[in-house]
Protein backbone atom coordinates (compact mmCIF):
# COMPACT_ATOMS: atom_id res chain seq x y z
CA MET A 1 0.77 -3.72 -9.51
CA LEU A 2 0.78 -0.50 -6.63
CA ILE A 3 -0.84 2.73 -8.19
CA THR A 4 1.03 5.71 -5.96
CA GLY A 5 2.31 9.33 -6.89
CA PRO A 6 -0.03 12.64 -7.69
CA ALA A 7 -3.97 12.12 -9.57
CA ARG A 8 -2.86 14.39 -11.75
CA THR A 9 0.05 11.73 -12.66
CA PRO A 10 -0.35 9.06 -11.17
CA VAL A 11 3.08 5.78 -11.64
CA LEU A 12 2.02 2.10 -12.20
CA ARG A 13 3.94 -0.07 -10.51
CA PHE A 14 4.44 -3.40 -12.61
CA THR A 15 6.72 -5.47 -11.20
CA LEU A 16 7.71 -8.65 -12.64
CA ASP A 17 9.25 -12.07 -10.85
CA ARG A 18 8.79 -16.14 -12.17
CA PRO A 19 9.54 -19.03 -10.02
CA GLY A 20 12.94 -19.25 -9.78
CA GLY A 21 13.71 -14.85 -10.01
CA GLY A 22 15.53 -14.08 -12.62
CA VAL A 23 13.95 -11.98 -15.11
CA THR A 24 16.25 -10.68 -17.60
CA VAL A 25 16.26 -6.15 -18.82
CA ASP A 26 15.38 -7.55 -22.25
CA GLU A 27 12.03 -9.34 -20.78
CA LEU A 28 10.98 -6.31 -18.13
CA GLN A 29 11.23 -3.42 -22.12
CA ALA A 30 8.96 -6.43 -23.13
CA ALA A 31 6.47 -5.96 -20.95
CA SER A 32 7.15 -3.06 -20.00
CA THR A 33 6.02 -2.02 -24.11
CA ALA A 34 3.01 -4.59 -23.66
CA ILE A 35 1.38 -2.92 -20.30
CA GLU A 36 1.98 -0.12 -21.73
CA THR A 37 0.35 -0.74 -25.46
CA ALA A 38 -2.73 -2.08 -23.54
CA LEU A 39 -2.90 0.64 -21.44
CA ASP A 40 -3.49 3.11 -23.84
CA VAL A 41 -5.48 0.78 -26.42
CA ALA A 42 -8.02 0.39 -23.50
CA ASP A 43 -7.87 3.49 -21.99
CA VAL A 44 -7.67 2.91 -18.32
CA ILE A 45 -6.05 5.98 -17.31
CA PRO A 46 -7.39 8.93 -18.07
CA GLY A 47 -4.70 11.58 -19.39
CA ARG A 48 -1.29 10.64 -18.40
CA TYR A 49 0.85 8.07 -16.16
CA ARG A 50 4.06 7.44 -15.65
CA LEU A 51 5.02 3.46 -15.59
CA GLU A 52 7.66 1.56 -14.31
CA VAL A 53 7.88 -1.64 -14.90
CA SER A 54 11.33 -3.99 -12.57
CA SER A 55 12.19 -6.80 -10.30
CA PRO A 56 12.41 -7.33 -6.78
CA GLY A 57 16.22 -7.75 -7.85
CA ILE A 58 18.49 -10.04 -6.51
CA ASP A 59 18.12 -9.01 -3.16
CA ARG A 60 15.16 -10.34 -2.58
CA PRO A 61 13.28 -10.60 0.77
CA TRP A 62 13.41 -14.99 1.46
CA LYS A 63 9.69 -15.01 2.97
CA ARG A 64 9.08 -18.37 2.24
CA LEU A 65 11.20 -21.77 3.60
CA ALA A 66 11.34 -23.03 -0.06
CA ASP A 67 13.71 -19.75 -0.27
CA PHE A 68 15.39 -20.50 2.02
CA ALA A 69 16.36 -24.51 0.76
CA ARG A 70 16.80 -22.63 -2.83
CA HIS A 71 19.35 -20.62 -1.48
CA VAL A 72 21.17 -22.98 1.48
CA GLY A 73 25.58 -22.00 1.61
CA GLU A 74 24.21 -18.75 0.62
CA ARG A 75 25.40 -15.75 2.98
CA ALA A 76 21.96 -14.22 4.57
CA SER A 77 20.84 -11.41 6.61
CA ILE A 78 18.28 -12.61 9.44
CA THR A 79 16.01 -10.71 12.41
CA THR A 80 14.17 -12.89 14.26
CA PHE A 81 10.31 -12.23 16.11
CA ALA A 82 12.05 -13.63 19.57
CA PRO A 83 15.67 -13.52 20.98
CA LEU A 84 17.24 -16.93 20.61
CA PRO A 85 18.98 -18.67 23.47
CA ASP A 86 22.33 -16.79 23.19
CA GLY A 87 19.84 -13.32 23.52
CA ARG A 88 20.06 -12.62 20.00
CA ARG A 89 18.06 -11.51 16.79
CA HIS A 90 19.90 -10.21 14.35
CA LEU A 91 22.22 -12.68 12.42
CA THR A 92 24.80 -12.93 9.49
CA GLY A 93 25.77 -15.64 8.29
CA ARG A 94 25.64 -19.09 5.60
CA VAL A 95 21.98 -21.18 5.62
CA THR A 96 23.74 -24.71 5.63
CA ALA A 97 20.97 -26.41 5.50
CA VAL A 98 17.17 -26.76 6.03
CA GLU A 99 15.35 -29.44 8.10
CA GLY A 100 11.54 -29.82 8.33
CA GLU A 101 10.16 -25.91 9.15
CA THR A 102 13.72 -25.43 10.50
CA VAL A 103 16.41 -23.58 9.47
CA HIS A 104 20.29 -24.47 10.03
CA LEU A 105 22.46 -20.92 9.54
CA ALA A 106 26.10 -20.55 10.46
CA PRO A 107 26.41 -17.19 11.35
CA ASP A 108 29.97 -15.14 11.43
CA GLN A 109 30.22 -15.08 14.77
CA GLY A 110 28.94 -17.51 17.60
CA ASP A 111 28.21 -21.25 17.19
CA PRO A 112 25.70 -23.29 13.91
CA VAL A 113 22.02 -21.86 15.16
CA ALA A 114 18.88 -23.56 14.35
CA VAL A 115 16.34 -21.03 13.58
CA ALA A 116 12.38 -21.77 12.97
CA PHE A 117 11.08 -20.23 10.25
CA SER A 118 8.21 -19.24 12.13
CA ASN A 119 10.28 -17.18 14.15
CA ILE A 120 12.65 -15.85 11.07
CA ALA A 121 10.77 -11.72 10.61
CA SER A 122 13.22 -11.06 7.65
CA ALA A 123 15.68 -13.25 6.09
CA ARG A 124 16.96 -11.10 3.16
CA PRO A 125 20.89 -12.14 1.30
CA GLU A 126 24.35 -10.46 1.22
CA VAL A 127 24.97 -9.48 -1.67
CA ASP A 128 28.74 -9.58 -3.07
CA TRP A 129 28.15 -5.89 -4.77
CA ALA A 130 32.29 -5.60 -5.78
CA ALA A 131 32.01 -9.27 -7.46
CA LEU A 132 28.85 -7.63 -9.19
CA LEU A 133 30.43 -4.88 -10.59
CA ARG A 134 33.56 -6.29 -11.70
CA GLY A 135 30.79 -8.48 -13.75
CA ARG A 136 32.15 -11.87 -12.02
CA ARG A 137 29.30 -14.55 -10.16
CA PRO A 138 30.08 -14.54 -6.50
CA ALA A 139 32.24 -16.71 -5.18
CA SER A 140 31.00 -20.74 -4.24
CA GLY A 141 27.87 -19.82 -1.61
CA GLY A 142 27.58 -16.39 -2.69
CA THR A 143 24.68 -14.85 -3.80
CA GLN A 144 22.66 -15.89 -6.49
CA GLY A 145 21.97 -13.76 -9.10
CA GLU A 146 23.27 -13.53 -13.01
CA GLN A 147 26.61 -12.42 -14.33
CA ALA A 148 26.72 -8.74 -15.12
């Protein structure tokens, strides 16, 4: 939970997730109702407040080695702390494997690379928004997510 906004009307933000991801809209609604009821009964926040309940979304950052392992075969954008031997720090391509503490990537440009997990500053999936907006799952090897 995060509390932000002005003191007169604070915003309480709850982000819900589960291992492996995937929180439905119905689950978010049920959680919102339960949280709102609990806050009102306990009178934790005096006066008015705004409640926001959401999920991290399908484009959530990959922060753990397990995130990469779970998404082998999918596309990602990766930024490294230190440049790779070829000088690049920003890569976009398909995660091909995770071996030990190393993430293997087939970048859109250049040869396949092995990146030490400890050198990954940030990473997030490359989501095929067009396919999702058309109501279809991304093609095999695409990004994770539920059918819209």
